[in-house]
């Protein structure tokens, strides 16, 4: 779906959805929460505020269906997916993507990177 000229201006300049979904222990796909997603989301939210990144909203989400690659997050309006593993990765996403408008290619997920195929 593409934006149209008569669409209202977005409420946020960027919106980050961080999966913090929790599956039962031992689930074959795992989950972002067991891979440390919640502390990373909390850090990202606090750090964005410290950096004064206005117009940026950091939210938790339920399952984004890329469980095996977690923790995962997606940045809109671009629709760029990342898999950060540390606070340093989050700092790099905040500075590079959300402040400068560039991409952190080493952390980006491509469409072919998941989810696991049935069968």
PDB file of N, CA and C in Angstrom:
ATOM      1  N   UNK A   1       0.838  -1.162   0.000  1.00  0.00           N
ATOM      2  CA  UNK A   1       0.000   0.000   0.000  1.00  0.00           C
ATOM      3  C   UNK A   1       0.893   1.238   0.000  1.00  0.00           C
ATOM      4  N   UNK A   2       0.559   2.176  -0.807  1.00  0.00           N
ATOM      5  CA  UNK A   2       1.343   3.408  -0.928  1.00  0.00           C
ATOM      6  C   UNK A   2       0.578   4.578  -0.316  1.00  0.00           C
ATOM      7  N   UNK A   3       1.337   5.563   0.155  1.00  0.00           N
ATOM      8  CA  UNK A   3       0.681   6.761   0.660  1.00  0.00           C
ATOM      9  C   UNK A   3       0.144   7.569  -0.519  1.00  0.00           C
ATOM     10  N   UNK A   4      -0.850   8.358  -0.212  1.00  0.00           N
ATOM     11  CA  UNK A   4      -1.477   9.185  -1.242  1.00  0.00           C
ATOM     12  C   UNK A   4      -1.321  10.651  -0.872  1.00  0.00           C
ATOM     13  N   UNK A   5      -1.441  11.505  -1.852  1.00  0.00           N
ATOM     14  CA  UNK A   5      -1.258  12.938  -1.622  1.00  0.00           C
ATOM     15  C   UNK A   5      -2.302  13.510  -0.664  1.00  0.00           C
ATOM     16  N   UNK A   6      -3.478  12.871  -0.563  1.00  0.00           N
ATOM     17  CA  UNK A   6      -4.520  13.387   0.333  1.00  0.00           C
ATOM     18  C   UNK A   6      -4.487  12.734   1.720  1.00  0.00           C
ATOM     19  N   UNK A   7      -3.477  11.883   1.994  1.00  0.00           N
ATOM     20  CA  UNK A   7      -3.326  11.309   3.325  1.00  0.00           C
ATOM     21  C   UNK A   7      -2.906  12.402   4.306  1.00  0.00           C
ATOM     22  N   UNK A   8      -3.363  12.299   5.554  1.00  0.00           N
ATOM     23  CA  UNK A   8      -2.886  13.272   6.543  1.00  0.00           C
ATOM     24  C   UNK A   8      -1.409  13.039   6.839  1.00  0.00           C
ATOM     25  N   UNK A   9      -0.766  14.078   7.337  1.00  0.00           N
ATOM     26  CA  UNK A   9       0.633  13.961   7.743  1.00  0.00           C
ATOM     27  C   UNK A   9       0.718  12.928   8.873  1.00  0.00           C
ATOM     28  N   UNK A  10       1.738  12.071   8.869  1.00  0.00           N
ATOM     29  CA  UNK A  10       1.871  11.083   9.948  1.00  0.00           C
ATOM     30  C   UNK A  10       1.975  11.756  11.316  1.00  0.00           C
ATOM     31  N   UNK A  11       1.423  11.110  12.320  1.00  0.00           N
ATOM     32  CA  UNK A  11       1.462  11.638  13.673  1.00  0.00           C
ATOM     33  C   UNK A  11       2.889  11.601  14.223  1.00  0.00           C
ATOM     34  N   UNK A  12       3.638  10.541  13.857  1.00  0.00           N
ATOM     35  CA  UNK A  12       5.040  10.405  14.255  1.00  0.00           C
ATOM     36  C   UNK A  12       5.902  10.400  13.007  1.00  0.00           C
ATOM     37  N   UNK A  13       7.085  10.926  13.142  1.00  0.00           N
ATOM     38  CA  UNK A  13       8.056  10.875  12.048  1.00  0.00           C
ATOM     39  C   UNK A  13       8.491   9.431  11.807  1.00  0.00           C
ATOM     40  N   UNK A  14       8.668   8.697  12.894  1.00  0.00           N
ATOM     41  CA  UNK A  14       9.021   7.279  12.809  1.00  0.00           C
ATOM     42  C   UNK A  14       8.340   6.542  13.954  1.00  0.00           C
ATOM     43  N   UNK A  15       7.978   5.303  13.686  1.00  0.00           N
ATOM     44  CA  UNK A  15       7.317   4.455  14.676  1.00  0.00           C
ATOM     45  C   UNK A  15       8.052   3.120  14.667  1.00  0.00           C
ATOM     46  N   UNK A  16       8.576   2.742  15.840  1.00  0.00           N
ATOM     47  CA  UNK A  16       9.345   1.505  15.964  1.00  0.00           C
ATOM     48  C   UNK A  16       8.527   0.505  16.769  1.00  0.00           C
ATOM     49  N   UNK A  17       8.299  -0.662  16.189  1.00  0.00           N
ATOM     50  CA  UNK A  17       7.593  -1.740  16.870  1.00  0.00           C
ATOM     51  C   UNK A  17       8.606  -2.818  17.243  1.00  0.00           C
ATOM     52  N   UNK A  18       8.735  -3.064  18.539  1.00  0.00           N
ATOM     53  CA  UNK A  18       9.685  -4.039  19.072  1.00  0.00           C
ATOM     54  C   UNK A  18       8.900  -5.245  19.580  1.00  0.00           C
ATOM     55  N   UNK A  19       9.118  -6.390  18.982  1.00  0.00           N
ATOM     56  CA  UNK A  19       8.423  -7.597  19.424  1.00  0.00           C
ATOM     57  C   UNK A  19       8.915  -7.992  20.809  1.00  0.00           C
ATOM     58  N   UNK A  20       7.977  -8.209  21.709  1.00  0.00           N
ATOM     59  CA  UNK A  20       8.291  -8.747  23.036  1.00  0.00           C
ATOM     60  C   UNK A  20       7.400  -9.958  23.315  1.00  0.00           C
ATOM     61  N   UNK A  21       6.975 -10.609  22.247  1.00  0.00           N
ATOM     62  CA  UNK A  21       6.088 -11.759  22.379  1.00  0.00           C
ATOM     63  C   UNK A  21       6.738 -12.871  23.204  1.00  0.00           C
ATOM     64  N   UNK A  22       5.907 -13.540  23.992  1.00  0.00           N
ATOM     65  CA  UNK A  22       6.381 -14.651  24.823  1.00  0.00           C
ATOM     66  C   UNK A  22       5.607 -15.910  24.467  1.00  0.00           C
ATOM     67  N   UNK A  23       6.339 -16.940  24.093  1.00  0.00           N
ATOM     68  CA  UNK A  23       5.750 -18.256  23.816  1.00  0.00           C
ATOM     69  C   UNK A  23       6.048 -19.174  25.000  1.00  0.00           C
ATOM     70  N   UNK A  24       5.333 -20.289  25.074  1.00  0.00           N
ATOM     71  CA  UNK A  24       5.615 -21.235  26.165  1.00  0.00           C
ATOM     72  C   UNK A  24       7.064 -21.735  26.095  1.00  0.00           C
ATOM     73  N   UNK A  25       7.665 -22.020  27.250  1.00  0.00           N
ATOM     74  CA  UNK A  25       9.036 -22.549  27.258  1.00  0.00           C
ATOM     75  C   UNK A  25       9.150 -23.786  26.369  1.00  0.00           C
ATOM     76  N   UNK A  26      10.217 -23.859  25.617  1.00  0.00           N
ATOM     77  CA  UNK A  26      10.468 -25.005  24.756  1.00  0.00           C
ATOM     78  C   UNK A  26       9.767 -24.959  23.415  1.00  0.00           C
ATOM     79  N   UNK A  27       9.040 -23.883  23.112  1.00  0.00           N
ATOM     80  CA  UNK A  27       8.363 -23.783  21.822  1.00  0.00           C
ATOM     81  C   UNK A  27       9.386 -23.886  20.700  1.00  0.00           C
ATOM     82  N   UNK A  28       9.058 -24.616  19.647  1.00  0.00           N
ATOM     83  CA  UNK A  28      10.030 -24.891  18.583  1.00  0.00           C
ATOM     84  C   UNK A  28      10.521 -23.635  17.858  1.00  0.00           C
ATOM     85  N   UNK A  29       9.732 -22.566  17.840  1.00  0.00           N
ATOM     86  CA  UNK A  29      10.161 -21.336  17.170  1.00  0.00           C
ATOM     87  C   UNK A  29      10.832 -20.362  18.123  1.00  0.00           C
ATOM     88  N   UNK A  30      10.720 -20.622  19.416  1.00  0.00           N
ATOM     89  CA  UNK A  30      11.270 -19.672  20.373  1.00  0.00           C
ATOM     90  C   UNK A  30      10.454 -18.398  20.375  1.00  0.00           C
ATOM     91  N   UNK A  31      10.993 -17.362  20.987  1.00  0.00           N
ATOM     92  CA  UNK A  31      10.300 -16.073  21.003  1.00  0.00           C
ATOM     93  C   UNK A  31      11.291 -14.958  21.289  1.00  0.00           C
ATOM     94  N   UNK A  32      10.875 -13.777  20.916  1.00  0.00           N
ATOM     95  CA  UNK A  32      11.742 -12.609  21.116  1.00  0.00           C
ATOM     96  C   UNK A  32      11.974 -12.323  22.592  1.00  0.00           C
ATOM     97  N   UNK A  33      10.949 -12.503  23.412  1.00  0.00           N
ATOM     98  CA  UNK A  33      11.103 -12.183  24.835  1.00  0.00           C
ATOM     99  C   UNK A  33      12.209 -13.022  25.471  1.00  0.00           C
ATOM    100  N   UNK A  34      12.242 -14.323  25.174  1.00  0.00           N
ATOM    101  CA  UNK A  34      13.277 -15.173  25.776  1.00  0.00           C
ATOM    102  C   UNK A  34      14.673 -14.852  25.243  1.00  0.00           C
ATOM    103  N   UNK A  35      14.739 -14.095  24.154  1.00  0.00           N
ATOM    104  CA  UNK A  35      16.028 -13.695  23.577  1.00  0.00           C
ATOM    105  C   UNK A  35      16.425 -12.273  23.986  1.00  0.00           C
ATOM    106  N   UNK A  36      15.750 -11.738  24.994  1.00  0.00           N
ATOM    107  CA  UNK A  36      16.152 -10.449  25.546  1.00  0.00           C
ATOM    108  C   UNK A  36      15.490  -9.225  24.941  1.00  0.00           C
ATOM    109  N   UNK A  37      14.364  -9.403  24.265  1.00  0.00           N
ATOM    110  CA  UNK A  37      13.714  -8.281  23.587  1.00  0.00           C
ATOM    111  C   UNK A  37      13.186  -7.211  24.537  1.00  0.00           C
ATOM    112  N   UNK A  38      12.657  -7.615  25.671  1.00  0.00           N
ATOM    113  CA  UNK A  38      12.046  -6.625  26.559  1.00  0.00           C
ATOM    114  C   UNK A  38      13.068  -5.625  27.115  1.00  0.00           C
ATOM    115  N   UNK A  39      14.205  -6.076  27.646  1.00  0.00           N
ATOM    116  CA  UNK A  39      15.197  -5.089  28.100  1.00  0.00           C
ATOM    117  C   UNK A  39      15.721  -4.210  26.966  1.00  0.00           C
ATOM    118  N   UNK A  40      15.846  -4.770  25.756  1.00  0.00           N
ATOM    119  CA  UNK A  40      16.299  -3.962  24.622  1.00  0.00           C
ATOM    120  C   UNK A  40      15.263  -2.895  24.271  1.00  0.00           C
ATOM    121  N   UNK A  41      13.985  -3.259  24.289  1.00  0.00           N
ATOM    122  CA  UNK A  41      12.940  -2.281  24.016  1.00  0.00           C
ATOM    123  C   UNK A  41      12.932  -1.189  25.081  1.00  0.00           C
ATOM    124  N   UNK A  42      13.040  -1.583  26.341  1.00  0.00           N
ATOM    125  CA  UNK A  42      13.065  -0.603  27.426  1.00  0.00           C
ATOM    126  C   UNK A  42      14.261   0.338  27.285  1.00  0.00           C
ATOM    127  N   UNK A  43      15.415  -0.219  26.944  1.00  0.00           N
ATOM    128  CA  UNK A  43      16.612   0.591  26.735  1.00  0.00           C
ATOM    129  C   UNK A  43      16.401   1.551  25.569  1.00  0.00           C
ATOM    130  N   UNK A  44      15.851   1.060  24.467  1.00  0.00           N
ATOM    131  CA  UNK A  44      15.651   1.897  23.287  1.00  0.00           C
ATOM    132  C   UNK A  44      14.725   3.067  23.601  1.00  0.00           C
ATOM    133  N   UNK A  45      13.669   2.783  24.311  1.00  0.00           N
ATOM    134  CA  UNK A  45      12.705   3.822  24.658  1.00  0.00           C
ATOM    135  C   UNK A  45      13.363   4.900  25.536  1.00  0.00           C
ATOM    136  N   UNK A  46      14.079   4.472  26.567  1.00  0.00           N
ATOM    137  CA  UNK A  46      14.741   5.416  27.464  1.00  0.00           C
ATOM    138  C   UNK A  46      15.843   6.192  26.740  1.00  0.00           C
ATOM    139  N   UNK A  47      16.612   5.501  25.928  1.00  0.00           N
ATOM    140  CA  UNK A  47      17.730   6.138  25.225  1.00  0.00           C
ATOM    141  C   UNK A  47      17.237   7.152  24.195  1.00  0.00           C
ATOM    142  N   UNK A  48      16.154   6.838  23.482  1.00  0.00           N
ATOM    143  CA  UNK A  48      15.585   7.785  22.516  1.00  0.00           C
ATOM    144  C   UNK A  48      15.166   9.067  23.226  1.00  0.00           C
ATOM    145  N   UNK A  49      14.605   8.914  24.416  1.00  0.00           N
ATOM    146  CA  UNK A  49      14.205  10.087  25.197  1.00  0.00           C
ATOM    147  C   UNK A  49      15.438  10.884  25.632  1.00  0.00           C
ATOM    148  N   UNK A  50      16.479  10.189  26.127  1.00  0.00           N
ATOM    149  CA  UNK A  50      17.722  10.860  26.524  1.00  0.00           C
ATOM    150  C   UNK A  50      18.339  11.647  25.377  1.00  0.00           C
ATOM    151  N   UNK A  51      18.265  11.073  24.170  1.00  0.00           N
ATOM    152  CA  UNK A  51      18.851  11.705  22.994  1.00  0.00           C
ATOM    153  C   UNK A  51      17.982  12.829  22.436  1.00  0.00           C
ATOM    154  N   UNK A  52      16.773  12.964  22.972  1.00  0.00           N
ATOM    155  CA  UNK A  52      15.872  14.015  22.503  1.00  0.00           C
ATOM    156  C   UNK A  52      15.336  13.769  21.105  1.00  0.00           C
ATOM    157  N   UNK A  53      15.142  12.510  20.752  1.00  0.00           N
ATOM    158  CA  UNK A  53      14.629  12.178  19.424  1.00  0.00           C
ATOM    159  C   UNK A  53      13.118  12.439  19.375  1.00  0.00           C
ATOM    160  N   UNK A  54      12.757  13.654  19.059  1.00  0.00           N
ATOM    161  CA  UNK A  54      11.353  14.040  18.986  1.00  0.00           C
ATOM    162  C   UNK A  54      10.700  13.429  17.747  1.00  0.00           C
ATOM    163  N   UNK A  55       9.423  13.156  17.853  1.00  0.00           N
ATOM    164  CA  UNK A  55       8.691  12.611  16.716  1.00  0.00           C
ATOM    165  C   UNK A  55       8.924  11.130  16.488  1.00  0.00           C
ATOM    166  N   UNK A  56       9.573  10.475  17.441  1.00  0.00           N
ATOM    167  CA  UNK A  56       9.864   9.048  17.348  1.00  0.00           C
ATOM    168  C   UNK A  56       9.069   8.338  18.433  1.00  0.00           C
ATOM    169  N   UNK A  57       8.364   7.288  18.060  1.00  0.00           N
ATOM    170  CA  UNK A  57       7.594   6.497  19.028  1.00  0.00           C
ATOM    171  C   UNK A  57       8.163   5.090  19.052  1.00  0.00           C
ATOM    172  N   UNK A  58       8.526   4.614  20.243  1.00  0.00           N
ATOM    173  CA  UNK A  58       9.032   3.260  20.438  1.00  0.00           C
ATOM    174  C   UNK A  58       7.936   2.484  21.161  1.00  0.00           C
ATOM    175  N   UNK A  59       7.409   1.434  20.534  1.00  0.00           N
ATOM    176  CA  UNK A  59       6.345   0.627  21.118  1.00  0.00           C
ATOM    177  C   UNK A  59       6.731  -0.830  21.169  1.00  0.00           C
ATOM    178  N   UNK A  60       6.132  -1.542  22.115  1.00  0.00           N
ATOM    179  CA  UNK A  60       6.239  -3.000  22.090  1.00  0.00           C
ATOM    180  C   UNK A  60       5.137  -3.526  21.188  1.00  0.00           C
ATOM    181  N   UNK A  61       5.363  -4.687  20.643  1.00  0.00           N
ATOM    182  CA  UNK A  61       4.340  -5.337  19.832  1.00  0.00           C
ATOM    183  C   UNK A  61       4.248  -6.796  20.244  1.00  0.00           C
ATOM    184  N   UNK A  62       3.196  -7.412  19.792  1.00  0.00           N
ATOM    185  CA  UNK A  62       3.081  -8.853  19.905  1.00  0.00           C
ATOM    186  C   UNK A  62       3.922  -9.481  18.806  1.00  0.00           C
ATOM    187  N   UNK A  63       3.660 -10.732  18.536  1.00  0.00           N
ATOM    188  CA  UNK A  63       4.458 -11.490  17.578  1.00  0.00           C
ATOM    189  C   UNK A  63       4.479 -10.840  16.197  1.00  0.00           C
ATOM    190  N   UNK A  64       5.673 -10.676  15.660  1.00  0.00           N
ATOM    191  CA  UNK A  64       5.862 -10.159  14.307  1.00  0.00           C
ATOM    192  C   UNK A  64       6.176 -11.293  13.328  1.00  0.00           C
ATOM    193  N   UNK A  65       6.114 -12.536  13.791  1.00  0.00           N
ATOM    194  CA  UNK A  65       6.247 -13.759  12.990  1.00  0.00           C
ATOM    195  C   UNK A  65       7.625 -13.957  12.363  1.00  0.00           C
ATOM    196  N   UNK A  66       8.647 -13.501  13.065  1.00  0.00           N
ATOM    197  CA  UNK A  66      10.023 -13.780  12.647  1.00  0.00           C
ATOM    198  C   UNK A  66      10.794 -14.259  13.876  1.00  0.00           C
ATOM    199  N   UNK A  67      10.134 -15.115  14.628  1.00  0.00           N
ATOM    200  CA  UNK A  67      10.570 -15.560  15.955  1.00  0.00           C
ATOM    201  C   UNK A  67      12.001 -16.091  15.975  1.00  0.00           C
ATOM    202  N   UNK A  68      12.348 -16.863  14.981  1.00  0.00           N
ATOM    203  CA  UNK A  68      13.668 -17.499  14.949  1.00  0.00           C
ATOM    204  C   UNK A  68      14.806 -16.486  14.819  1.00  0.00           C
ATOM    205  N   UNK A  69      14.476 -15.279  14.409  1.00  0.00           N
ATOM    206  CA  UNK A  69      15.487 -14.253  14.158  1.00  0.00           C
ATOM    207  C   UNK A  69      15.570 -13.231  15.290  1.00  0.00           C
ATOM    208  N   UNK A  70      14.806 -13.451  16.340  1.00  0.00           N
ATOM    209  CA  UNK A  70      14.650 -12.472  17.404  1.00  0.00           C
ATOM    210  C   UNK A  70      15.897 -12.203  18.209  1.00  0.00           C
ATOM    211  N   UNK A  71      15.836 -11.088  18.901  1.00  0.00           N
ATOM    212  CA  UNK A  71      14.725 -10.146  18.927  1.00  0.00           C
ATOM    213  C   UNK A  71      14.632  -9.361  17.620  1.00  0.00           C
ATOM    214  N   UNK A  72      13.406  -9.009  17.255  1.00  0.00           N
ATOM    215  CA  UNK A  72      13.189  -8.248  16.022  1.00  0.00           C
ATOM    216  C   UNK A  72      12.413  -6.969  16.309  1.00  0.00           C
ATOM    217  N   UNK A  73      12.642  -6.000  15.423  1.00  0.00           N
ATOM    218  CA  UNK A  73      11.884  -4.743  15.453  1.00  0.00           C
ATOM    219  C   UNK A  73      11.739  -4.260  14.022  1.00  0.00           C
ATOM    220  N   UNK A  74      10.718  -3.440  13.808  1.00  0.00           N
ATOM    221  CA  UNK A  74      10.496  -2.866  12.487  1.00  0.00           C
ATOM    222  C   UNK A  74      10.258  -1.370  12.644  1.00  0.00           C
ATOM    223  N   UNK A  75      10.870  -0.588  11.750  1.00  0.00           N
ATOM    224  CA  UNK A  75      10.782   0.865  11.776  1.00  0.00           C
ATOM    225  C   UNK A  75       9.896   1.315  10.619  1.00  0.00           C
ATOM    226  N   UNK A  76       8.851   2.061  10.961  1.00  0.00           N
ATOM    227  CA  UNK A  76       7.967   2.634   9.957  1.00  0.00           C
ATOM    228  C   UNK A  76       8.100   4.149   9.978  1.00  0.00           C
ATOM    229  N   UNK A  77       7.949   4.833   8.844  1.00  0.00           N
ATOM    230  CA  UNK A  77       7.203   4.388   7.687  1.00  0.00           C
ATOM    231  C   UNK A  77       8.007   3.575   6.678  1.00  0.00           C
ATOM    232  N   UNK A  78       9.325   3.435   6.858  1.00  0.00           N
ATOM    233  CA  UNK A  78      10.136   2.742   5.841  1.00  0.00           C
ATOM    234  C   UNK A  78       9.879   1.246   5.785  1.00  0.00           C
ATOM    235  N   UNK A  79       9.487   0.641   6.899  1.00  0.00           N
ATOM    236  CA  UNK A  79       9.287  -0.806   6.925  1.00  0.00           C
ATOM    237  C   UNK A  79      10.600  -1.569   6.966  1.00  0.00           C
ATOM    238  N   UNK A  80      11.609  -0.987   7.609  1.00  0.00           N
ATOM    239  CA  UNK A  80      12.924  -1.634   7.722  1.00  0.00           C
ATOM    240  C   UNK A  80      12.940  -2.471   8.997  1.00  0.00           C
ATOM    241  N   UNK A  81      13.331  -3.741   8.840  1.00  0.00           N
ATOM    242  CA  UNK A  81      13.388  -4.691   9.951  1.00  0.00           C
ATOM    243  C   UNK A  81      14.819  -4.834  10.435  1.00  0.00           C
ATOM    244  N   UNK A  82      14.960  -4.924  11.773  1.00  0.00           N
ATOM    245  CA  UNK A  82      16.266  -5.122  12.386  1.00  0.00           C
ATOM    246  C   UNK A  82      16.203  -6.251  13.410  1.00  0.00           C
ATOM    247  N   UNK A  83      17.371  -6.826  13.674  1.00  0.00           N
ATOM    248  CA  UNK A  83      17.510  -7.814  14.737  1.00  0.00           C
ATOM    249  C   UNK A  83      18.679  -7.400  15.633  1.00  0.00           C
ATOM    250  N   UNK A  84      18.411  -6.480  16.583  1.00  0.00           N
ATOM    251  CA  UNK A  84      19.484  -6.053  17.490  1.00  0.00           C
ATOM    252  C   UNK A  84      19.696  -7.068  18.596  1.00  0.00           C
ATOM    253  N   UNK A  85      20.930  -7.245  18.997  1.00  0.00           N
ATOM    254  CA  UNK A  85      21.264  -8.208  20.055  1.00  0.00           C
ATOM    255  C   UNK A  85      21.820  -7.552  21.313  1.00  0.00           C
ATOM    256  N   UNK A  86      22.103  -6.248  21.251  1.00  0.00           N
ATOM    257  CA  UNK A  86      22.738  -5.579  22.386  1.00  0.00           C
ATOM    258  C   UNK A  86      22.316  -4.115  22.444  1.00  0.00           C
ATOM    259  N   UNK A  87      22.613  -3.478  23.578  1.00  0.00           N
ATOM    260  CA  UNK A  87      22.359  -2.045  23.706  1.00  0.00           C
ATOM    261  C   UNK A  87      23.162  -1.266  22.668  1.00  0.00           C
ATOM    262  N   UNK A  88      24.357  -1.724  22.365  1.00  0.00           N
ATOM    263  CA  UNK A  88      25.179  -1.053  21.348  1.00  0.00           C
ATOM    264  C   UNK A  88      24.492  -1.105  19.980  1.00  0.00           C
ATOM    265  N   UNK A  89      23.853  -2.237  19.657  1.00  0.00           N
ATOM    266  CA  UNK A  89      23.096  -2.338  18.406  1.00  0.00           C
ATOM    267  C   UNK A  89      21.946  -1.335  18.398  1.00  0.00           C
ATOM    268  N   UNK A  90      21.238  -1.230  19.519  1.00  0.00           N
ATOM    269  CA  UNK A  90      20.128  -0.281  19.629  1.00  0.00           C
ATOM    270  C   UNK A  90      20.645   1.144  19.457  1.00  0.00           C
ATOM    271  N   UNK A  91      21.770   1.468  20.100  1.00  0.00           N
ATOM    272  CA  UNK A  91      22.355   2.801  19.943  1.00  0.00           C
ATOM    273  C   UNK A  91      22.649   3.102  18.480  1.00  0.00           C
ATOM    274  N   UNK A  92      23.170   2.108  17.778  1.00  0.00           N
ATOM    275  CA  UNK A  92      23.500   2.291  16.360  1.00  0.00           C
ATOM    276  C   UNK A  92      22.242   2.531  15.528  1.00  0.00           C
ATOM    277  N   UNK A  93      21.162   1.819  15.814  1.00  0.00           N
ATOM    278  CA  UNK A  93      19.891   2.021  15.102  1.00  0.00           C
ATOM    279  C   UNK A  93      19.347   3.423  15.393  1.00  0.00           C
ATOM    280  N   UNK A  94      19.390   3.828  16.657  1.00  0.00           N
ATOM    281  CA  UNK A  94      18.898   5.161  17.020  1.00  0.00           C
ATOM    282  C   UNK A  94      19.681   6.251  16.297  1.00  0.00           C
ATOM    283  N   UNK A  95      20.985   6.165  16.331  1.00  0.00           N
ATOM    284  CA  UNK A  95      21.829   7.197  15.721  1.00  0.00           C
ATOM    285  C   UNK A  95      21.779   7.151  14.197  1.00  0.00           C
ATOM    286  N   UNK A  96      21.974   5.974  13.641  1.00  0.00           N
ATOM    287  CA  UNK A  96      22.117   5.859  12.192  1.00  0.00           C
ATOM    288  C   UNK A  96      20.781   5.955  11.471  1.00  0.00           C
ATOM    289  N   UNK A  97      19.804   5.183  11.898  1.00  0.00           N
ATOM    290  CA  UNK A  97      18.520   5.167  11.187  1.00  0.00           C
ATOM    291  C   UNK A  97      17.612   6.310  11.628  1.00  0.00           C
ATOM    292  N   UNK A  98      17.386   6.409  12.937  1.00  0.00           N
ATOM    293  CA  UNK A  98      16.369   7.345  13.407  1.00  0.00           C
ATOM    294  C   UNK A  98      16.853   8.794  13.487  1.00  0.00           C
ATOM    295  N   UNK A  99      18.122   9.010  13.658  1.00  0.00           N
ATOM    296  CA  UNK A  99      18.626  10.391  13.688  1.00  0.00           C
ATOM    297  C   UNK A  99      19.100  10.837  12.301  1.00  0.00           C
ATOM    298  N   UNK A 100      19.883   9.989  11.612  1.00  0.00           N
ATOM    299  CA  UNK A 100      20.484  10.413  10.338  1.00  0.00           C
ATOM    300  C   UNK A 100      19.724   9.933   9.101  1.00  0.00           C
ATOM    301  N   UNK A 101      18.758   9.020   9.283  1.00  0.00           N
ATOM    302  CA  UNK A 101      17.980   8.548   8.137  1.00  0.00           C
ATOM    303  C   UNK A 101      18.704   7.544   7.262  1.00  0.00           C
ATOM    304  N   UNK A 102      19.791   6.976   7.770  1.00  0.00           N
ATOM    305  CA  UNK A 102      20.539   5.961   7.028  1.00  0.00           C
ATOM    306  C   UNK A 102      20.123   4.585   7.534  1.00  0.00           C
ATOM    307  N   UNK A 103      20.796   3.539   7.101  1.00  0.00           N
ATOM    308  CA  UNK A 103      20.445   2.182   7.514  1.00  0.00           C
ATOM    309  C   UNK A 103      21.636   1.497   8.175  1.00  0.00           C
ATOM    310  N   UNK A 104      21.327   0.599   9.104  1.00  0.00           N
ATOM    311  CA  UNK A 104      22.349  -0.229   9.752  1.00  0.00           C
ATOM    312  C   UNK A 104      22.274  -1.580   9.048  1.00  0.00           C
ATOM    313  N   UNK A 105      22.960  -1.694   7.932  1.00  0.00           N
ATOM    314  CA  UNK A 105      22.801  -2.862   7.070  1.00  0.00           C
ATOM    315  C   UNK A 105      23.186  -4.172   7.760  1.00  0.00           C
ATOM    316  N   UNK A 106      24.167  -4.135   8.647  1.00  0.00           N
ATOM    317  CA  UNK A 106      24.591  -5.377   9.306  1.00  0.00           C
ATOM    318  C   UNK A 106      23.500  -5.960  10.216  1.00  0.00           C
ATOM    319  N   UNK A 107      22.540  -5.154  10.636  1.00  0.00           N
ATOM    320  CA  UNK A 107      21.465  -5.624  11.514  1.00  0.00           C
ATOM    321  C   UNK A 107      20.133  -5.797  10.796  1.00  0.00           C
ATOM    322  N   UNK A 108      20.083  -5.431   9.524  1.00  0.00           N
ATOM    323  CA  UNK A 108      18.823  -5.493   8.780  1.00  0.00           C
ATOM    324  C   UNK A 108      18.439  -6.924   8.432  1.00  0.00           C
ATOM    325  N   UNK A 109      17.130  -7.165   8.447  1.00  0.00           N
ATOM    326  CA  UNK A 109      16.582  -8.437   7.993  1.00  0.00           C
ATOM    327  C   UNK A 109      15.980  -8.236   6.612  1.00  0.00           C
ATOM    328  N   UNK A 110      16.152  -9.232   5.767  1.00  0.00           N
ATOM    329  CA  UNK A 110      15.571  -9.210   4.431  1.00  0.00           C
ATOM    330  C   UNK A 110      14.312 -10.085   4.428  1.00  0.00           C
ATOM    331  N   UNK A 111      13.398  -9.873   3.482  1.00  0.00           N
ATOM    332  CA  UNK A 111      12.182 -10.685   3.449  1.00  0.00           C
ATOM    333  C   UNK A 111      12.445 -12.189   3.436  1.00  0.00           C
ATOM    334  N   UNK A 112      13.504 -12.610   2.794  1.00  0.00           N
ATOM    335  CA  UNK A 112      13.795 -14.045   2.717  1.00  0.00           C
ATOM    336  C   UNK A 112      14.391 -14.609   4.019  1.00  0.00           C
ATOM    337  N   UNK A 113      14.625 -13.766   5.008  1.00  0.00           N
ATOM    338  CA  UNK A 113      15.221 -14.203   6.273  1.00  0.00           C
ATOM    339  C   UNK A 113      14.226 -14.858   7.241  1.00  0.00           C
ATOM    340  N   UNK A 114      12.993 -15.062   6.867  1.00  0.00           N
ATOM    341  CA  UNK A 114      12.071 -15.715   7.790  1.00  0.00           C
ATOM    342  C   UNK A 114      10.650 -15.339   7.492  1.00  0.00           C
ATOM    343  N   UNK A 115       9.681 -15.902   8.118  1.00  0.00           N
ATOM    344  CA  UNK A 115       9.749 -16.895   9.186  1.00  0.00           C
ATOM    345  C   UNK A 115      10.030 -18.288   8.636  1.00  0.00           C
ATOM    346  N   UNK A 116      10.120 -19.239   9.554  1.00  0.00           N
ATOM    347  CA  UNK A 116      10.359 -20.629   9.155  1.00  0.00           C
ATOM    348  C   UNK A 116       9.211 -21.103   8.269  1.00  0.00           C
ATOM    349  N   UNK A 117       9.520 -21.849   7.266  1.00  0.00           N
ATOM    350  CA  UNK A 117       8.506 -22.386   6.362  1.00  0.00           C
ATOM    351  C   UNK A 117       7.870 -23.641   6.955  1.00  0.00           C
ATOM    352  N   UNK A 118       6.559 -23.747   6.781  1.00  0.00           N
ATOM    353  CA  UNK A 118       5.844 -24.936   7.271  1.00  0.00           C
ATOM    354  C   UNK A 118       6.266 -26.157   6.464  1.00  0.00           C
ATOM    355  N   UNK A 119       6.216 -27.309   7.111  1.00  0.00           N
ATOM    356  CA  UNK A 119       6.477 -28.538   6.378  1.00  0.00           C
ATOM    357  C   UNK A 119       7.738 -29.137   6.782  1.00  0.00           C
TER     358      UNK A 119
END
